[in-house]
mmCIF file of all heavy atoms, coordinates in Angstrom:
data_MODEL
# 
_entry.id   MODEL 
# 
loop_
_atom_site.group_PDB 
_atom_site.id 
_atom_site.type_symbol 
_atom_site.label_atom_id 
_atom_site.label_alt_id 
_atom_site.label_comp_id 
_atom_site.label_asym_id 
_atom_site.label_entity_id 
_atom_site.label_seq_id 
_atom_site.pdbx_PDB_ins_code 
_atom_site.Cartn_x 
_atom_site.Cartn_y 
_atom_site.Cartn_z 
_atom_site.occupancy 
_atom_site.B_iso_or_equiv 
_atom_site.pdbx_formal_charge 
_atom_site.auth_seq_id 
_atom_site.auth_comp_id 
_atom_site.auth_asym_id 
_atom_site.auth_atom_id 
_atom_site.pdbx_PDB_model_num 
ATOM 1   N N   . MET A 1 1  ? -0.408  12.126 -0.616  1.00 0.00 ? 1  MET A N   1 
ATOM 2   C CA  . MET A 1 1  ? -0.513  13.160 -1.636  1.00 0.00 ? 1  MET A CA  1 
ATOM 3   C C   . MET A 1 1  ? 0.570   14.232 -1.468  1.00 0.00 ? 1  MET A C   1 
ATOM 4   O O   . MET A 1 1  ? 1.060   14.785 -2.460  1.00 0.00 ? 1  MET A O   1 
ATOM 5   C CB  . MET A 1 1  ? -1.906  13.794 -1.623  1.00 0.00 ? 1  MET A CB  1 
ATOM 6   C CG  . MET A 1 1  ? -3.016  12.844 -2.054  1.00 0.00 ? 1  MET A CG  1 
ATOM 7   S SD  . MET A 1 1  ? -2.670  11.921 -3.581  1.00 0.00 ? 1  MET A SD  1 
ATOM 8   C CE  . MET A 1 1  ? -2.401  13.247 -4.762  1.00 0.00 ? 1  MET A CE  1 
ATOM 9   N N   . GLN A 1 2  ? 0.982   14.499 -0.220  1.00 0.00 ? 2  GLN A N   1 
ATOM 10  C CA  . GLN A 1 2  ? 2.085   15.440 -0.013  1.00 0.00 ? 2  GLN A CA  1 
ATOM 11  C C   . GLN A 1 2  ? 3.376   14.881 -0.605  1.00 0.00 ? 2  GLN A C   1 
ATOM 12  O O   . GLN A 1 2  ? 4.151   15.606 -1.246  1.00 0.00 ? 2  GLN A O   1 
ATOM 13  C CB  . GLN A 1 2  ? 2.300   15.731 1.478   1.00 0.00 ? 2  GLN A CB  1 
ATOM 14  C CG  . GLN A 1 2  ? 1.178   16.543 2.110   1.00 0.00 ? 2  GLN A CG  1 
ATOM 15  C CD  . GLN A 1 2  ? 0.092   15.682 2.739   1.00 0.00 ? 2  GLN A CD  1 
ATOM 16  O OE1 . GLN A 1 2  ? -0.419  14.763 2.079   1.00 0.00 ? 2  GLN A OE1 1 
ATOM 17  N NE2 . GLN A 1 2  ? -0.260  15.966 3.977   1.00 0.00 ? 2  GLN A NE2 1 
ATOM 18  N N   . ALA A 1 3  ? 3.585   13.553 -0.402  1.00 0.00 ? 3  ALA A N   1 
ATOM 19  C CA  . ALA A 1 3  ? 4.793   12.924 -0.934  1.00 0.00 ? 3  ALA A CA  1 
ATOM 20  C C   . ALA A 1 3  ? 4.773   12.906 -2.460  1.00 0.00 ? 3  ALA A C   1 
ATOM 21  O O   . ALA A 1 3  ? 5.803   13.102 -3.110  1.00 0.00 ? 3  ALA A O   1 
ATOM 22  C CB  . ALA A 1 3  ? 4.915   11.499 -0.392  1.00 0.00 ? 3  ALA A CB  1 
ATOM 23  N N   . ILE A 1 4  ? 3.591   12.705 -3.037  1.00 0.00 ? 4  ILE A N   1 
ATOM 24  C CA  . ILE A 1 4  ? 3.476   12.687 -4.500  1.00 0.00 ? 4  ILE A CA  1 
ATOM 25  C C   . ILE A 1 4  ? 3.659   14.088 -5.071  1.00 0.00 ? 4  ILE A C   1 
ATOM 26  O O   . ILE A 1 4  ? 4.269   14.268 -6.133  1.00 0.00 ? 4  ILE A O   1 
ATOM 27  C CB  . ILE A 1 4  ? 2.104   12.096 -4.905  1.00 0.00 ? 4  ILE A CB  1 
ATOM 28  C CG1 . ILE A 1 4  ? 2.080   10.584 -4.598  1.00 0.00 ? 4  ILE A CG1 1 
ATOM 29  C CG2 . ILE A 1 4  ? 1.805   12.356 -6.379  1.00 0.00 ? 4  ILE A CG2 1 
ATOM 30  C CD1 . ILE A 1 4  ? 0.741   9.917  -4.830  1.00 0.00 ? 4  ILE A CD1 1 
ATOM 31  N N   . ALA A 1 5  ? 3.159   15.087 -4.356  1.00 0.00 ? 5  ALA A N   1 
ATOM 32  C CA  . ALA A 1 5  ? 3.242   16.473 -4.834  1.00 0.00 ? 5  ALA A CA  1 
ATOM 33  C C   . ALA A 1 5  ? 4.684   16.953 -4.972  1.00 0.00 ? 5  ALA A C   1 
ATOM 34  O O   . ALA A 1 5  ? 4.978   17.825 -5.802  1.00 0.00 ? 5  ALA A O   1 
ATOM 35  C CB  . ALA A 1 5  ? 2.468   17.399 -3.897  1.00 0.00 ? 5  ALA A CB  1 
ATOM 36  N N   . THR A 1 6  ? 5.577   16.371 -4.175  1.00 0.00 ? 6  THR A N   1 
ATOM 37  C CA  . THR A 1 6  ? 6.990   16.794 -4.226  1.00 0.00 ? 6  THR A CA  1 
ATOM 38  C C   . THR A 1 6  ? 7.798   15.965 -5.212  1.00 0.00 ? 6  THR A C   1 
ATOM 39  O O   . THR A 1 6  ? 8.994   16.220 -5.391  1.00 0.00 ? 6  THR A O   1 
ATOM 40  C CB  . THR A 1 6  ? 7.633   16.665 -2.837  1.00 0.00 ? 6  THR A CB  1 
ATOM 41  O OG1 . THR A 1 6  ? 7.634   15.287 -2.436  1.00 0.00 ? 6  THR A OG1 1 
ATOM 42  C CG2 . THR A 1 6  ? 6.879   17.499 -1.799  1.00 0.00 ? 6  THR A CG2 1 
ATOM 43  N N   . ALA A 1 7  ? 7.186   14.976 -5.851  1.00 0.00 ? 7  ALA A N   1 
ATOM 44  C CA  . ALA A 1 7  ? 7.918   14.026 -6.693  1.00 0.00 ? 7  ALA A CA  1 
ATOM 45  C C   . ALA A 1 7  ? 7.799   14.358 -8.178  1.00 0.00 ? 7  ALA A C   1 
ATOM 46  O O   . ALA A 1 7  ? 6.856   15.007 -8.622  1.00 0.00 ? 7  ALA A O   1 
ATOM 47  C CB  . ALA A 1 7  ? 7.404   12.617 -6.447  1.00 0.00 ? 7  ALA A CB  1 
ATOM 48  N N   . ASP A 1 8  ? 8.810   13.888 -8.926  1.00 0.00 ? 8  ASP A N   1 
ATOM 49  C CA  . ASP A 1 8  ? 8.759   13.925 -10.391 1.00 0.00 ? 8  ASP A CA  1 
ATOM 50  C C   . ASP A 1 8  ? 8.282   12.583 -10.941 1.00 0.00 ? 8  ASP A C   1 
ATOM 51  O O   . ASP A 1 8  ? 7.751   12.515 -12.057 1.00 0.00 ? 8  ASP A O   1 
ATOM 52  C CB  . ASP A 1 8  ? 10.152  14.203 -10.971 1.00 0.00 ? 8  ASP A CB  1 
ATOM 53  C CG  . ASP A 1 8  ? 10.770  15.455 -10.403 1.00 0.00 ? 8  ASP A CG  1 
ATOM 54  O OD1 . ASP A 1 8  ? 10.141  16.528 -10.536 1.00 0.00 ? 8  ASP A OD1 1 
ATOM 55  O OD2 . ASP A 1 8  ? 11.870  15.368 -9.801  1.00 0.00 ? 8  ASP A OD2 1 
ATOM 56  N N   . LEU A 1 9  ? 8.494   11.541 -10.158 1.00 0.00 ? 9  LEU A N   1 
ATOM 57  C CA  . LEU A 1 9  ? 8.215   10.177 -10.599 1.00 0.00 ? 9  LEU A CA  1 
ATOM 58  C C   . LEU A 1 9  ? 7.637   9.393  -9.420  1.00 0.00 ? 9  LEU A C   1 
ATOM 59  O O   . LEU A 1 9  ? 8.178   9.439  -8.315  1.00 0.00 ? 9  LEU A O   1 
ATOM 60  C CB  . LEU A 1 9  ? 9.517   9.515  -11.082 1.00 0.00 ? 9  LEU A CB  1 
ATOM 61  C CG  . LEU A 1 9  ? 9.538   8.014  -11.349 1.00 0.00 ? 9  LEU A CG  1 
ATOM 62  C CD1 . LEU A 1 9  ? 8.558   7.640  -12.459 1.00 0.00 ? 9  LEU A CD1 1 
ATOM 63  C CD2 . LEU A 1 9  ? 10.966  7.579  -11.725 1.00 0.00 ? 9  LEU A CD2 1 
ATOM 64  N N   . VAL A 1 10 ? 6.538   8.691  -9.646  1.00 0.00 ? 10 VAL A N   1 
ATOM 65  C CA  . VAL A 1 10 ? 5.876   7.922  -8.583  1.00 0.00 ? 10 VAL A CA  1 
ATOM 66  C C   . VAL A 1 10 ? 5.669   6.481  -9.053  1.00 0.00 ? 10 VAL A C   1 
ATOM 67  O O   . VAL A 1 10 ? 5.139   6.245  -10.145 1.00 0.00 ? 10 VAL A O   1 
ATOM 68  C CB  . VAL A 1 10 ? 4.514   8.535  -8.200  1.00 0.00 ? 10 VAL A CB  1 
ATOM 69  C CG1 . VAL A 1 10 ? 3.804   7.665  -7.156  1.00 0.00 ? 10 VAL A CG1 1 
ATOM 70  C CG2 . VAL A 1 10 ? 4.699   9.956  -7.678  1.00 0.00 ? 10 VAL A CG2 1 
ATOM 71  N N   . PHE A 1 11 ? 6.096   5.535  -8.217  1.00 0.00 ? 11 PHE A N   1 
ATOM 72  C CA  . PHE A 1 11 ? 5.798   4.118  -8.435  1.00 0.00 ? 11 PHE A CA  1 
ATOM 73  C C   . PHE A 1 11 ? 4.787   3.679  -7.374  1.00 0.00 ? 11 PHE A C   1 
ATOM 74  O O   . PHE A 1 11 ? 4.914   4.067  -6.204  1.00 0.00 ? 11 PHE A O   1 
ATOM 75  C CB  . PHE A 1 11 ? 7.049   3.250  -8.274  1.00 0.00 ? 11 PHE A CB  1 
ATOM 76  C CG  . PHE A 1 11 ? 8.106   3.477  -9.316  1.00 0.00 ? 11 PHE A CG  1 
ATOM 77  C CD1 . PHE A 1 11 ? 9.134   4.385  -9.095  1.00 0.00 ? 11 PHE A CD1 1 
ATOM 78  C CD2 . PHE A 1 11 ? 8.090   2.768  -10.504 1.00 0.00 ? 11 PHE A CD2 1 
ATOM 79  C CE1 . PHE A 1 11 ? 10.125  4.584  -10.045 1.00 0.00 ? 11 PHE A CE1 1 
ATOM 80  C CE2 . PHE A 1 11 ? 9.070   2.962  -11.470 1.00 0.00 ? 11 PHE A CE2 1 
ATOM 81  C CZ  . PHE A 1 11 ? 10.097  3.870  -11.237 1.00 0.00 ? 11 PHE A CZ  1 
ATOM 82  N N   . THR A 1 12 ? 3.815   2.878  -7.758  1.00 0.00 ? 12 THR A N   1 
ATOM 83  C CA  . THR A 1 12 ? 2.896   2.315  -6.770  1.00 0.00 ? 12 THR A CA  1 
ATOM 84  C C   . THR A 1 12 ? 2.986   0.798  -6.798  1.00 0.00 ? 12 THR A C   1 
ATOM 85  O O   . THR A 1 12 ? 2.973   0.177  -7.860  1.00 0.00 ? 12 THR A O   1 
ATOM 86  C CB  . THR A 1 12 ? 1.441   2.746  -7.035  1.00 0.00 ? 12 THR A CB  1 
ATOM 87  O OG1 . THR A 1 12 ? 1.047   2.328  -8.343  1.00 0.00 ? 12 THR A OG1 1 
ATOM 88  C CG2 . THR A 1 12 ? 1.283   4.248  -6.909  1.00 0.00 ? 12 THR A CG2 1 
ATOM 89  N N   . SER A 1 13 ? 3.076   0.222  -5.605  1.00 0.00 ? 13 SER A N   1 
ATOM 90  C CA  . SER A 1 13 ? 3.189   -1.235 -5.482  1.00 0.00 ? 13 SER A CA  1 
ATOM 91  C C   . SER A 1 13 ? 2.603   -1.649 -4.143  1.00 0.00 ? 13 SER A C   1 
ATOM 92  O O   . SER A 1 13 ? 3.318   -1.931 -3.187  1.00 0.00 ? 13 SER A O   1 
ATOM 93  C CB  . SER A 1 13 ? 4.656   -1.662 -5.581  1.00 0.00 ? 13 SER A CB  1 
ATOM 94  O OG  . SER A 1 13 ? 4.790   -3.045 -5.358  1.00 0.00 ? 13 SER A OG  1 
ATOM 95  N N   . THR A 1 14 ? 1.284   -1.663 -4.055  1.00 0.00 ? 14 THR A N   1 
ATOM 96  C CA  . THR A 1 14 ? 0.619   -2.045 -2.809  1.00 0.00 ? 14 THR A CA  1 
ATOM 97  C C   . THR A 1 14 ? -0.384  -3.163 -3.084  1.00 0.00 ? 14 THR A C   1 
ATOM 98  O O   . THR A 1 14 ? -0.685  -3.465 -4.230  1.00 0.00 ? 14 THR A O   1 
ATOM 99  C CB  . THR A 1 14 ? -0.146  -0.854 -2.181  1.00 0.00 ? 14 THR A CB  1 
ATOM 100 O OG1 . THR A 1 14 ? -1.403  -0.701 -2.844  1.00 0.00 ? 14 THR A OG1 1 
ATOM 101 C CG2 . THR A 1 14 ? 0.653   0.427  -2.259  1.00 0.00 ? 14 THR A CG2 1 
ATOM 102 N N   . GLY A 1 15 ? -0.910  -3.718 -2.015  1.00 0.00 ? 15 GLY A N   1 
ATOM 103 C CA  . GLY A 1 15 ? -1.903  -4.782 -2.134  1.00 0.00 ? 15 GLY A CA  1 
ATOM 104 C C   . GLY A 1 15 ? -3.333  -4.271 -2.129  1.00 0.00 ? 15 GLY A C   1 
ATOM 105 O O   . GLY A 1 15 ? -4.268  -5.060 -1.967  1.00 0.00 ? 15 GLY A O   1 
ATOM 106 N N   . ALA A 1 16 ? -3.516  -2.973 -2.324  1.00 0.00 ? 16 ALA A N   1 
ATOM 107 C CA  . ALA A 1 16 ? -4.869  -2.393 -2.316  1.00 0.00 ? 16 ALA A CA  1 
ATOM 108 C C   . ALA A 1 16 ? -5.716  -3.008 -3.422  1.00 0.00 ? 16 ALA A C   1 
ATOM 109 O O   . ALA A 1 16 ? -5.237  -3.253 -4.527  1.00 0.00 ? 16 ALA A O   1 
ATOM 110 C CB  . ALA A 1 16 ? -4.793  -0.882 -2.496  1.00 0.00 ? 16 ALA A CB  1 
ATOM 111 N N   . THR A 1 17 ? -6.979  -3.244 -3.122  1.00 0.00 ? 17 THR A N   1 
ATOM 112 C CA  . THR A 1 17 ? -7.879  -3.859 -4.106  1.00 0.00 ? 17 THR A CA  1 
ATOM 113 C C   . THR A 1 17 ? -8.651  -2.827 -4.920  1.00 0.00 ? 17 THR A C   1 
ATOM 114 O O   . THR A 1 17 ? -9.333  -3.180 -5.877  1.00 0.00 ? 17 THR A O   1 
ATOM 115 C CB  . THR A 1 17 ? -8.877  -4.799 -3.400  1.00 0.00 ? 17 THR A CB  1 
ATOM 116 O OG1 . THR A 1 17 ? -9.603  -4.056 -2.416  1.00 0.00 ? 17 THR A OG1 1 
ATOM 117 C CG2 . THR A 1 17 ? -8.146  -5.948 -2.718  1.00 0.00 ? 17 THR A CG2 1 
ATOM 118 N N   . GLN A 1 18 ? -8.546  -1.553 -4.534  1.00 0.00 ? 18 GLN A N   1 
ATOM 119 C CA  . GLN A 1 18 ? -9.177  -0.452 -5.268  1.00 0.00 ? 18 GLN A CA  1 
ATOM 120 C C   . GLN A 1 18 ? -8.120  0.618  -5.533  1.00 0.00 ? 18 GLN A C   1 
ATOM 121 O O   . GLN A 1 18 ? -7.140  0.723  -4.798  1.00 0.00 ? 18 GLN A O   1 
ATOM 122 C CB  . GLN A 1 18 ? -10.336 0.157  -4.459  1.00 0.00 ? 18 GLN A CB  1 
ATOM 123 C CG  . GLN A 1 18 ? -11.465 -0.813 -4.157  1.00 0.00 ? 18 GLN A CG  1 
ATOM 124 C CD  . GLN A 1 18 ? -12.232 -1.198 -5.407  1.00 0.00 ? 18 GLN A CD  1 
ATOM 125 O OE1 . GLN A 1 18 ? -12.349 -0.412 -6.349  1.00 0.00 ? 18 GLN A OE1 1 
ATOM 126 N NE2 . GLN A 1 18 ? -12.752 -2.425 -5.440  1.00 0.00 ? 18 GLN A NE2 1 
ATOM 127 N N   . PRO A 1 19 ? -8.289  1.441  -6.587  1.00 0.00 ? 19 PRO A N   1 
ATOM 128 C CA  . PRO A 1 19 ? -7.310  2.498  -6.843  1.00 0.00 ? 19 PRO A CA  1 
ATOM 129 C C   . PRO A 1 19 ? -7.152  3.428  -5.640  1.00 0.00 ? 19 PRO A C   1 
ATOM 130 O O   . PRO A 1 19 ? -8.130  3.820  -5.006  1.00 0.00 ? 19 PRO A O   1 
ATOM 131 C CB  . PRO A 1 19 ? -7.916  3.249  -8.045  1.00 0.00 ? 19 PRO A CB  1 
ATOM 132 C CG  . PRO A 1 19 ? -8.760  2.234  -8.732  1.00 0.00 ? 19 PRO A CG  1 
ATOM 133 C CD  . PRO A 1 19 ? -9.337  1.374  -7.634  1.00 0.00 ? 19 PRO A CD  1 
ATOM 134 N N   . ILE A 1 20 ? -5.908  3.768  -5.339  1.00 0.00 ? 20 ILE A N   1 
ATOM 135 C CA  . ILE A 1 20 ? -5.629  4.691  -4.224  1.00 0.00 ? 20 ILE A CA  1 
ATOM 136 C C   . ILE A 1 20 ? -5.276  6.085  -4.750  1.00 0.00 ? 20 ILE A C   1 
ATOM 137 O O   . ILE A 1 20 ? -5.099  7.024  -3.983  1.00 0.00 ? 20 ILE A O   1 
ATOM 138 C CB  . ILE A 1 20 ? -4.491  4.163  -3.333  1.00 0.00 ? 20 ILE A CB  1 
ATOM 139 C CG1 . ILE A 1 20 ? -3.204  3.963  -4.160  1.00 0.00 ? 20 ILE A CG1 1 
ATOM 140 C CG2 . ILE A 1 20 ? -4.890  2.863  -2.652  1.00 0.00 ? 20 ILE A CG2 1 
ATOM 141 C CD1 . ILE A 1 20 ? -1.993  3.558  -3.318  1.00 0.00 ? 20 ILE A CD1 1 
ATOM 142 N N   . LEU A 1 21 ? -5.177  6.205  -6.083  1.00 0.00 ? 21 LEU A N   1 
ATOM 143 C CA  . LEU A 1 21 ? -4.832  7.480  -6.700  1.00 0.00 ? 21 LEU A CA  1 
ATOM 144 C C   . LEU A 1 21 ? -5.677  7.656  -7.959  1.00 0.00 ? 21 LEU A C   1 
ATOM 145 O O   . LEU A 1 21 ? -5.766  6.751  -8.791  1.00 0.00 ? 21 LEU A O   1 
ATOM 146 C CB  . LEU A 1 21 ? -3.331  7.479  -7.057  1.00 0.00 ? 21 LEU A CB  1 
ATOM 147 C CG  . LEU A 1 21 ? -2.708  8.799  -7.529  1.00 0.00 ? 21 LEU A CG  1 
ATOM 148 C CD1 . LEU A 1 21 ? -2.839  9.865  -6.457  1.00 0.00 ? 21 LEU A CD1 1 
ATOM 149 C CD2 . LEU A 1 21 ? -1.245  8.578  -7.895  1.00 0.00 ? 21 LEU A CD2 1 
ATOM 150 N N   . ASP A 1 22 ? -6.307  8.813  -8.081  1.00 0.00 ? 22 ASP A N   1 
ATOM 151 C CA  . ASP A 1 22 ? -7.127  9.081  -9.268  1.00 0.00 ? 22 ASP A CA  1 
ATOM 152 C C   . ASP A 1 22 ? -7.026  10.554 -9.672  1.00 0.00 ? 22 ASP A C   1 
ATOM 153 O O   . ASP A 1 22 ? -6.307  11.342 -9.043  1.00 0.00 ? 22 ASP A O   1 
ATOM 154 C CB  . ASP A 1 22 ? -8.584  8.681  -9.032  1.00 0.00 ? 22 ASP A CB  1 
ATOM 155 C CG  . ASP A 1 22 ? -9.206  9.386  -7.836  1.00 0.00 ? 22 ASP A CG  1 
ATOM 156 O OD1 . ASP A 1 22 ? -8.673  10.446 -7.419  1.00 0.00 ? 22 ASP A OD1 1 
ATOM 157 O OD2 . ASP A 1 22 ? -10.223 8.893  -7.312  1.00 0.00 ? 22 ASP A OD2 1 
ATOM 158 N N   . ARG A 1 23 ? -7.751  10.912 -10.707 1.00 0.00 ? 23 ARG A N   1 
ATOM 159 C CA  . ARG A 1 23 ? -7.691  12.271 -11.236 1.00 0.00 ? 23 ARG A CA  1 
ATOM 160 C C   . ARG A 1 23 ? -8.080  13.313 -10.190 1.00 0.00 ? 23 ARG A C   1 
ATOM 161 O O   . ARG A 1 23 ? -7.415  14.344 -10.046 1.00 0.00 ? 23 ARG A O   1 
ATOM 162 C CB  . ARG A 1 23 ? -8.615  12.368 -12.450 1.00 0.00 ? 23 ARG A CB  1 
ATOM 163 C CG  . ARG A 1 23 ? -8.728  13.777 -13.013 1.00 0.00 ? 23 ARG A CG  1 
ATOM 164 C CD  . ARG A 1 23 ? -9.696  13.840 -14.184 1.00 0.00 ? 23 ARG A CD  1 
ATOM 165 N NE  . ARG A 1 23 ? -9.867  15.204 -14.641 1.00 0.00 ? 23 ARG A NE  1 
ATOM 166 C CZ  . ARG A 1 23 ? -10.587 15.574 -15.697 1.00 0.00 ? 23 ARG A CZ  1 
ATOM 167 N NH1 . ARG A 1 23 ? -11.244 14.641 -16.382 1.00 0.00 ? 23 ARG A NH1 1 
ATOM 168 N NH2 . ARG A 1 23 ? -10.688 16.848 -16.046 1.00 0.00 ? 23 ARG A NH2 1 
ATOM 169 N N   . ALA A 1 24 ? -9.147  13.030 -9.447  1.00 0.00 ? 24 ALA A N   1 
ATOM 170 C CA  . ALA A 1 24 ? -9.639  14.007 -8.475  1.00 0.00 ? 24 ALA A CA  1 
ATOM 171 C C   . ALA A 1 24 ? -8.575  14.331 -7.425  1.00 0.00 ? 24 ALA A C   1 
ATOM 172 O O   . ALA A 1 24 ? -8.370  15.506 -7.073  1.00 0.00 ? 24 ALA A O   1 
ATOM 173 C CB  . ALA A 1 24 ? -10.901 13.481 -7.810  1.00 0.00 ? 24 ALA A CB  1 
ATOM 174 N N   . LYS A 1 25 ? -7.886  13.304 -6.930  1.00 0.00 ? 25 LYS A N   1 
ATOM 175 C CA  . LYS A 1 25 ? -6.848  13.533 -5.907  1.00 0.00 ? 25 LYS A CA  1 
ATOM 176 C C   . LYS A 1 25 ? -5.690  14.335 -6.484  1.00 0.00 ? 25 LYS A C   1 
ATOM 177 O O   . LYS A 1 25 ? -5.138  15.217 -5.819  1.00 0.00 ? 25 LYS A O   1 
ATOM 178 C CB  . LYS A 1 25 ? -6.348  12.199 -5.363  1.00 0.00 ? 25 LYS A CB  1 
ATOM 179 C CG  . LYS A 1 25 ? -7.324  11.510 -4.422  1.00 0.00 ? 25 LYS A CG  1 
ATOM 180 C CD  . LYS A 1 25 ? -6.729  10.229 -3.855  1.00 0.00 ? 25 LYS A CD  1 
ATOM 181 C CE  . LYS A 1 25 ? -7.707  9.572  -2.887  1.00 0.00 ? 25 LYS A CE  1 
ATOM 182 N NZ  . LYS A 1 25 ? -7.177  8.288  -2.349  1.00 0.00 ? 25 LYS A NZ  1 
ATOM 183 N N   . LEU A 1 26 ? -5.301  14.023 -7.722  1.00 0.00 ? 26 LEU A N   1 
ATOM 184 C CA  . LEU A 1 26 ? -4.201  14.763 -8.341  1.00 0.00 ? 26 LEU A CA  1 
ATOM 185 C C   . LEU A 1 26 ? -4.566  16.221 -8.524  1.00 0.00 ? 26 LEU A C   1 
ATOM 186 O O   . LEU A 1 26 ? -3.777  17.130 -8.212  1.00 0.00 ? 26 LEU A O   1 
ATOM 187 C CB  . LEU A 1 26 ? -3.834  14.134 -9.687  1.00 0.00 ? 26 LEU A CB  1 
ATOM 188 C CG  . LEU A 1 26 ? -3.151  12.757 -9.651  1.00 0.00 ? 26 LEU A CG  1 
ATOM 189 C CD1 . LEU A 1 26 ? -2.907  12.261 -11.071 1.00 0.00 ? 26 LEU A CD1 1 
ATOM 190 C CD2 . LEU A 1 26 ? -1.838  12.827 -8.886  1.00 0.00 ? 26 LEU A CD2 1 
ATOM 191 N N   . GLU A 1 27 ? -5.764  16.464 -9.024  1.00 0.00 ? 27 GLU A N   1 
ATOM 192 C CA  . GLU A 1 27 ? -6.168  17.854 -9.278  1.00 0.00 ? 27 GLU A CA  1 
ATOM 193 C C   . GLU A 1 27 ? -6.333  18.631 -7.978  1.00 0.00 ? 27 GLU A C   1 
ATOM 194 O O   . GLU A 1 27 ? -6.129  19.849 -7.952  1.00 0.00 ? 27 GLU A O   1 
ATOM 195 C CB  . GLU A 1 27 ? -7.466  17.870 -10.087 1.00 0.00 ? 27 GLU A CB  1 
ATOM 196 C CG  . GLU A 1 27 ? -7.269  17.385 -11.514 1.00 0.00 ? 27 GLU A CG  1 
ATOM 197 C CD  . GLU A 1 27 ? -8.549  17.375 -12.335 1.00 0.00 ? 27 GLU A CD  1 
ATOM 198 O OE1 . GLU A 1 27 ? -9.645  17.330 -11.733 1.00 0.00 ? 27 GLU A OE1 1 
ATOM 199 O OE2 . GLU A 1 27 ? -8.440  17.425 -13.569 1.00 0.00 ? 27 GLU A OE2 1 
ATOM 200 N N   . GLU A 1 28 ? -6.666  17.929 -6.901  1.00 0.00 ? 28 GLU A N   1 
ATOM 201 C CA  . GLU A 1 28 ? -6.838  18.607 -5.614  1.00 0.00 ? 28 GLU A CA  1 
ATOM 202 C C   . GLU A 1 28 ? -5.502  18.987 -4.979  1.00 0.00 ? 28 GLU A C   1 
ATOM 203 O O   . GLU A 1 28 ? -5.387  20.035 -4.341  1.00 0.00 ? 28 GLU A O   1 
ATOM 204 C CB  . GLU A 1 28 ? -7.617  17.697 -4.667  1.00 0.00 ? 28 GLU A CB  1 
ATOM 205 C CG  . GLU A 1 28 ? -7.874  18.317 -3.294  1.00 0.00 ? 28 GLU A CG  1 
ATOM 206 C CD  . GLU A 1 28 ? -8.599  17.357 -2.353  1.00 0.00 ? 28 GLU A CD  1 
ATOM 207 O OE1 . GLU A 1 28 ? -9.055  16.283 -2.825  1.00 0.00 ? 28 GLU A OE1 1 
ATOM 208 O OE2 . GLU A 1 28 ? -8.697  17.682 -1.150  1.00 0.00 ? 28 GLU A OE2 1 
ATOM 209 N N   . HIS A 1 29 ? -4.492  18.142 -5.179  1.00 0.00 ? 29 HIS A N   1 
ATOM 210 C CA  . HIS A 1 29 ? -3.240  18.336 -4.429  1.00 0.00 ? 29 HIS A CA  1 
ATOM 211 C C   . HIS A 1 29 ? -2.066  18.831 -5.269  1.00 0.00 ? 29 HIS A C   1 
ATOM 212 O O   . HIS A 1 29 ? -1.061  19.271 -4.708  1.00 0.00 ? 29 HIS A O   1 
ATOM 213 C CB  . HIS A 1 29 ? -2.839  17.027 -3.749  1.00 0.00 ? 29 HIS A CB  1 
ATOM 214 C CG  . HIS A 1 29 ? -3.748  16.625 -2.634  1.00 0.00 ? 29 HIS A CG  1 
ATOM 215 N ND1 . HIS A 1 29 ? -4.863  15.848 -2.825  1.00 0.00 ? 29 HIS A ND1 1 
ATOM 216 C CD2 . HIS A 1 29 ? -3.714  16.918 -1.305  1.00 0.00 ? 29 HIS A CD2 1 
ATOM 217 C CE1 . HIS A 1 29 ? -5.472  15.661 -1.666  1.00 0.00 ? 29 HIS A CE1 1 
ATOM 218 N NE2 . HIS A 1 29 ? -4.800  16.293 -0.725  1.00 0.00 ? 29 HIS A NE2 1 
# 
């Protein structure tokens, strides 16, 4: 979230089976 907070553009490409980023995390950080 620190890395995303400093970015203008974020790409996600992982093998996670559940979302790793959602509204709550964005609003918190």
